[in-house]
Amino acid sequence: MKPVVYTGTSISHSDARKILDADYRAPVRRHDLRRIVTLASPPEIIGIIDGVFFDNAAVAHREIIEALKSGIIVVGGGSMGALRASELETYGMIGVGKVFEMYRNGVIESDDEVAVTFDAGSNEALSVPLVNIRMTVEAAKNAGVIDPVQAAAIIGVARKLFYPDRNYQNVVFESEKNGIISGIEKKKLLDFIKLNEIDIKYQDAILVLEKIKELI
């Protein structure tokens, strides 16, 4: 059986298929892995990139552990996969990517960091995850577009926004409104983001697929 990979939000199924031949499914939900474990011929490898967080019950730690105990290799990264891999590394779950490292090292802790709202039909993200905003704002700071104090304050603004409302336009406009950046700096920052936005979840999703390819 092909590897089963839960994604669609961090990376589209069409983009993912260019990297790895797998059974691609929508973001993982509670009980999805239990159903796989009970199959007559379960997959040897499961990849978890995306998963639901708040609207539906998230994939439980116990069902991932059950999959691992049954002999299935579970690889995670990018989003929900990164969060669960950081929590279950000691049980044998394999984590890859920057977001996984940030969770494992305590740089970030909340599932709110990777949560996005997405279209139920296409699984396309409709908001920007906080981890992507962090990386892009860091790049703007390193490029001299904003200073370190402004960068920290902008991240603070982004954290206060409800996750479905997070996008660069809202973050930058709220930052100007709060006196963190001037009107001129706002334009410079938006221009920088258009050309230099960092999608760390997409990059990590590719690493998950490449890791699975390596394990096959």
Protein backbone atom coordinates (compact mmCIF):
# COMPACT_ATOMS: atom_id res chain seq x y z
CA MET A 1 0.00 0.00 0.00
CA LYS A 2 1.19 3.53 -0.79
CA PRO A 3 2.11 5.85 2.07
CA VAL A 4 -0.89 7.79 3.37
CA VAL A 5 -0.27 11.54 3.71
CA TYR A 6 -2.62 14.03 5.35
CA THR A 7 -2.19 17.47 3.82
CA GLY A 8 -3.75 19.95 1.40
CA THR A 9 -3.38 23.20 3.33
CA SER A 10 0.39 23.57 3.69
CA ILE A 11 0.92 22.04 0.25
CA SER A 12 -1.66 21.12 -2.38
CA HIS A 13 -2.16 17.49 -3.33
CA SER A 14 -1.15 18.31 -6.91
CA ASP A 15 2.16 19.85 -5.81
CA ALA A 16 2.76 16.99 -3.39
CA ARG A 17 2.27 14.34 -6.08
CA LYS A 18 5.14 15.88 -8.05
CA ILE A 19 7.41 14.89 -5.16
CA LEU A 20 5.96 11.64 -3.82
CA ASP A 21 3.53 9.02 -5.11
CA ALA A 22 1.19 8.58 -2.15
CA ASP A 23 -2.43 8.33 -1.05
CA TYR A 24 -3.16 11.98 -0.26
CA ARG A 25 -5.99 12.80 2.12
CA ALA A 26 -7.53 15.91 3.65
CA PRO A 27 -6.09 17.34 6.90
CA VAL A 28 -6.17 14.65 9.59
CA ARG A 29 -9.01 14.47 12.10
CA ARG A 30 -9.73 12.49 15.27
CA HIS A 31 -10.08 8.73 14.60
CA ASP A 32 -8.56 8.87 11.07
CA LEU A 33 -5.48 6.95 12.17
CA ARG A 34 -7.53 4.41 14.14
CA ARG A 35 -9.41 3.54 10.97
CA ILE A 36 -6.11 3.03 9.12
CA VAL A 37 -4.60 0.83 11.83
CA THR A 38 -7.58 -1.53 11.65
CA LEU A 39 -7.29 -2.06 7.88
CA ALA A 40 -6.43 -5.55 6.68
CA SER A 41 -3.39 -4.12 4.89
CA PRO A 42 -2.44 -0.81 6.53
CA PRO A 43 0.27 1.40 5.00
CA GLU A 44 3.84 1.06 6.20
CA ILE A 45 4.22 4.84 6.44
CA ILE A 46 1.86 7.66 7.41
CA GLY A 47 2.75 11.30 6.87
CA ILE A 48 1.01 13.99 8.91
CA ILE A 49 1.43 17.53 7.65
CA ASP A 50 -1.95 19.21 8.14
CA GLY A 51 -4.77 18.56 10.58
CA VAL A 52 -7.86 20.23 11.99
CA PHE A 53 -7.48 22.14 15.25
CA PHE A 54 -10.47 23.92 16.69
CA ASP A 55 -13.65 23.28 14.71
CA ASN A 56 -13.31 19.51 14.96
CA ALA A 57 -11.50 17.19 17.32
CA ALA A 58 -7.80 17.08 16.50
CA VAL A 59 -5.96 13.81 15.96
CA ALA A 60 -5.29 12.32 19.38
CA HIS A 61 -1.85 11.49 20.73
CA ARG A 62 -3.07 8.03 21.67
CA GLU A 63 -4.08 7.06 18.13
CA ILE A 64 -0.69 8.10 16.77
CA ILE A 65 0.98 6.01 19.50
CA GLU A 66 -1.27 3.07 18.57
CA ALA A 67 -0.18 3.41 14.93
CA LEU A 68 3.47 3.48 15.99
CA LYS A 69 3.03 0.42 18.23
CA SER A 70 1.42 -1.45 15.33
CA GLY A 71 4.64 -0.99 13.35
CA ILE A 72 3.59 1.93 11.14
CA ILE A 73 6.22 4.63 10.62
CA VAL A 74 4.70 8.07 11.29
CA VAL A 75 6.44 11.18 9.94
CA GLY A 76 5.30 14.69 10.84
CA GLY A 77 6.16 18.25 9.96
CA GLY A 78 4.86 21.56 8.70
CA SER A 79 1.74 22.06 10.79
CA MET A 80 -0.20 19.61 12.98
CA GLY A 81 2.46 17.05 12.05
CA ALA A 82 5.20 19.25 13.51
CA LEU A 83 3.26 19.81 16.74
CA ARG A 84 2.48 16.13 17.28
CA ALA A 85 6.01 15.03 16.32
CA SER A 86 7.51 17.36 18.93
CA GLU A 87 5.19 15.83 21.54
CA LEU A 88 5.63 12.20 20.47
CA GLU A 89 9.27 12.02 19.40
CA THR A 90 10.06 9.85 22.42
CA TYR A 91 7.45 7.35 21.22
CA GLY A 92 9.13 7.06 17.83
CA MET A 93 7.31 9.61 15.70
CA ILE A 94 9.74 11.19 13.23
CA GLY A 95 9.71 14.99 13.02
CA VAL A 96 11.31 17.08 10.29
CA GLY A 97 11.58 20.75 9.40
CA LYS A 98 11.93 24.16 10.99
CA VAL A 99 8.47 24.28 12.60
CA PHE A 100 9.08 20.92 14.27
CA GLU A 101 12.42 22.20 15.60
CA MET A 102 10.78 25.38 16.90
CA TYR A 103 8.20 23.33 18.83
CA ARG A 104 10.78 20.85 20.10
CA ASN A 105 13.10 23.62 21.30
CA GLY A 106 10.34 25.61 22.98
CA VAL A 107 10.62 28.61 20.64
CA ILE A 108 6.88 28.24 20.02
CA GLU A 109 4.36 26.26 22.08
CA SER A 110 0.76 26.93 21.07
CA ASP A 111 -1.10 25.10 18.29
CA ASP A 112 -2.31 28.62 17.40
CA GLU A 113 1.11 29.15 15.78
CA VAL A 114 0.28 26.88 12.83
CA ALA A 115 -3.51 27.10 12.75
CA VAL A 116 -5.22 28.50 9.66
CA THR A 117 -8.74 28.65 8.35
CA PHE A 118 -9.15 26.77 5.08
CA ASP A 119 -11.68 26.05 2.36
CA ALA A 120 -13.46 22.79 3.12
CA GLY A 121 -13.63 21.86 -0.55
CA SER A 122 -10.13 22.63 -1.78
CA ASN A 123 -8.30 22.63 1.60
CA GLU A 124 -6.67 25.89 0.47
CA ALA A 125 -5.53 28.12 3.34
CA LEU A 126 -7.58 31.32 3.74
CA SER A 127 -5.37 32.91 6.39
CA VAL A 128 -1.64 33.12 7.12
CA PRO A 129 -0.17 31.00 9.94
CA LEU A 130 1.71 32.82 12.67
CA VAL A 131 4.87 30.79 12.02
CA ASN A 132 4.99 32.13 8.45
CA ILE A 133 4.47 35.68 9.72
CA ARG A 134 7.30 35.19 12.22
CA MET A 135 9.73 34.06 9.54
CA THR A 136 8.75 36.81 7.09
CA VAL A 137 8.98 39.56 9.73
CA GLU A 138 12.39 38.18 10.75
CA ALA A 139 13.51 38.40 7.12
CA ALA A 140 12.29 42.01 6.94
CA LYS A 141 14.28 42.81 10.07
CA ASN A 142 17.41 41.18 8.67
CA ALA A 143 16.97 43.17 5.46
CA GLY A 144 16.82 46.44 7.42
CA VAL A 145 13.22 47.20 6.48
CA ILE A 146 12.27 47.33 10.18
CA ASP A 147 14.33 47.33 13.35
CA PRO A 148 14.38 44.58 16.04
CA VAL A 149 12.01 46.47 18.36
CA GLN A 150 9.50 46.95 15.56
CA ALA A 151 9.81 43.30 14.53
CA ALA A 152 9.00 42.07 18.05
CA ALA A 153 6.06 44.47 18.31
CA ILE A 154 4.66 43.39 14.92
CA ILE A 155 4.76 39.74 16.00
CA GLY A 156 2.91 40.82 19.14
CA VAL A 157 0.20 42.38 16.98
CA ALA A 158 -0.07 39.20 14.89
CA ARG A 159 -0.38 37.03 18.00
CA LYS A 160 -3.32 39.10 19.28
CA LEU A 161 -5.27 38.66 16.05
CA PHE A 162 -7.71 35.73 15.94
CA TYR A 163 -6.12 33.14 13.66
CA PRO A 164 -8.73 33.38 10.83
CA ASP A 165 -8.02 37.14 10.66
CA ARG A 166 -4.28 36.75 10.26
CA ASN A 167 -2.95 38.01 6.96
CA TYR A 168 -0.15 40.41 6.16
CA GLN A 169 -2.48 43.28 5.28
CA ASN A 170 -4.22 43.12 8.67
CA VAL A 171 -0.97 42.69 10.59
CA VAL A 172 0.77 45.62 8.90
CA PHE A 173 -2.24 47.95 9.08
CA GLU A 174 -2.77 47.15 12.77
CA SER A 175 0.93 47.81 13.36
CA GLU A 176 0.62 51.26 11.79
CA LYS A 177 -2.56 51.92 13.77
CA ASN A 178 -0.69 51.11 17.00
CA GLY A 179 2.18 53.45 16.12
CA ILE A 180 4.72 50.66 15.63
CA ILE A 181 5.52 51.70 12.06
CA SER A 182 4.96 54.88 10.05
CA GLY A 183 2.99 55.18 6.83
CA ILE A 184 6.20 55.11 4.80
CA GLU A 185 7.46 52.06 6.70
CA LYS A 186 4.11 50.36 6.15
CA LYS A 187 4.48 50.67 2.38
CA LYS A 188 8.09 49.46 2.49
CA LEU A 189 7.13 46.48 4.61
CA LEU A 190 4.20 45.47 2.39
CA ASP A 191 6.40 45.79 -0.71
CA PHE A 192 9.02 43.59 0.95
CA ILE A 193 6.45 40.96 1.91
CA LYS A 194 5.09 40.78 -1.65
CA LEU A 195 8.52 39.82 -2.94
CA ASN A 196 9.98 37.96 0.04
CA GLU A 197 7.18 36.20 1.91
CA ILE A 198 8.44 33.01 3.58
CA ASP A 199 6.08 30.05 3.57
CA ILE A 200 7.87 27.86 6.10
CA LYS A 201 4.95 25.41 6.33
CA TYR A 202 5.18 24.74 2.58
CA GLN A 203 8.95 24.27 2.81
CA ASP A 204 8.56 21.86 5.72
CA ALA A 205 5.80 19.95 3.94
CA ILE A 206 8.26 19.24 1.15
CA LEU A 207 10.75 17.94 3.72
CA VAL A 208 8.12 15.53 5.08
CA LEU A 209 7.51 14.14 1.59
CA GLU A 210 11.24 13.85 0.91
CA LYS A 211 11.74 12.06 4.24
CA ILE A 212 9.01 9.54 3.38
CA LYS A 213 10.60 9.03 -0.05
CA GLU A 214 13.91 8.35 1.69
CA LEU A 215 12.28 5.79 4.03
CA ILE A 216 10.50 3.84 1.29
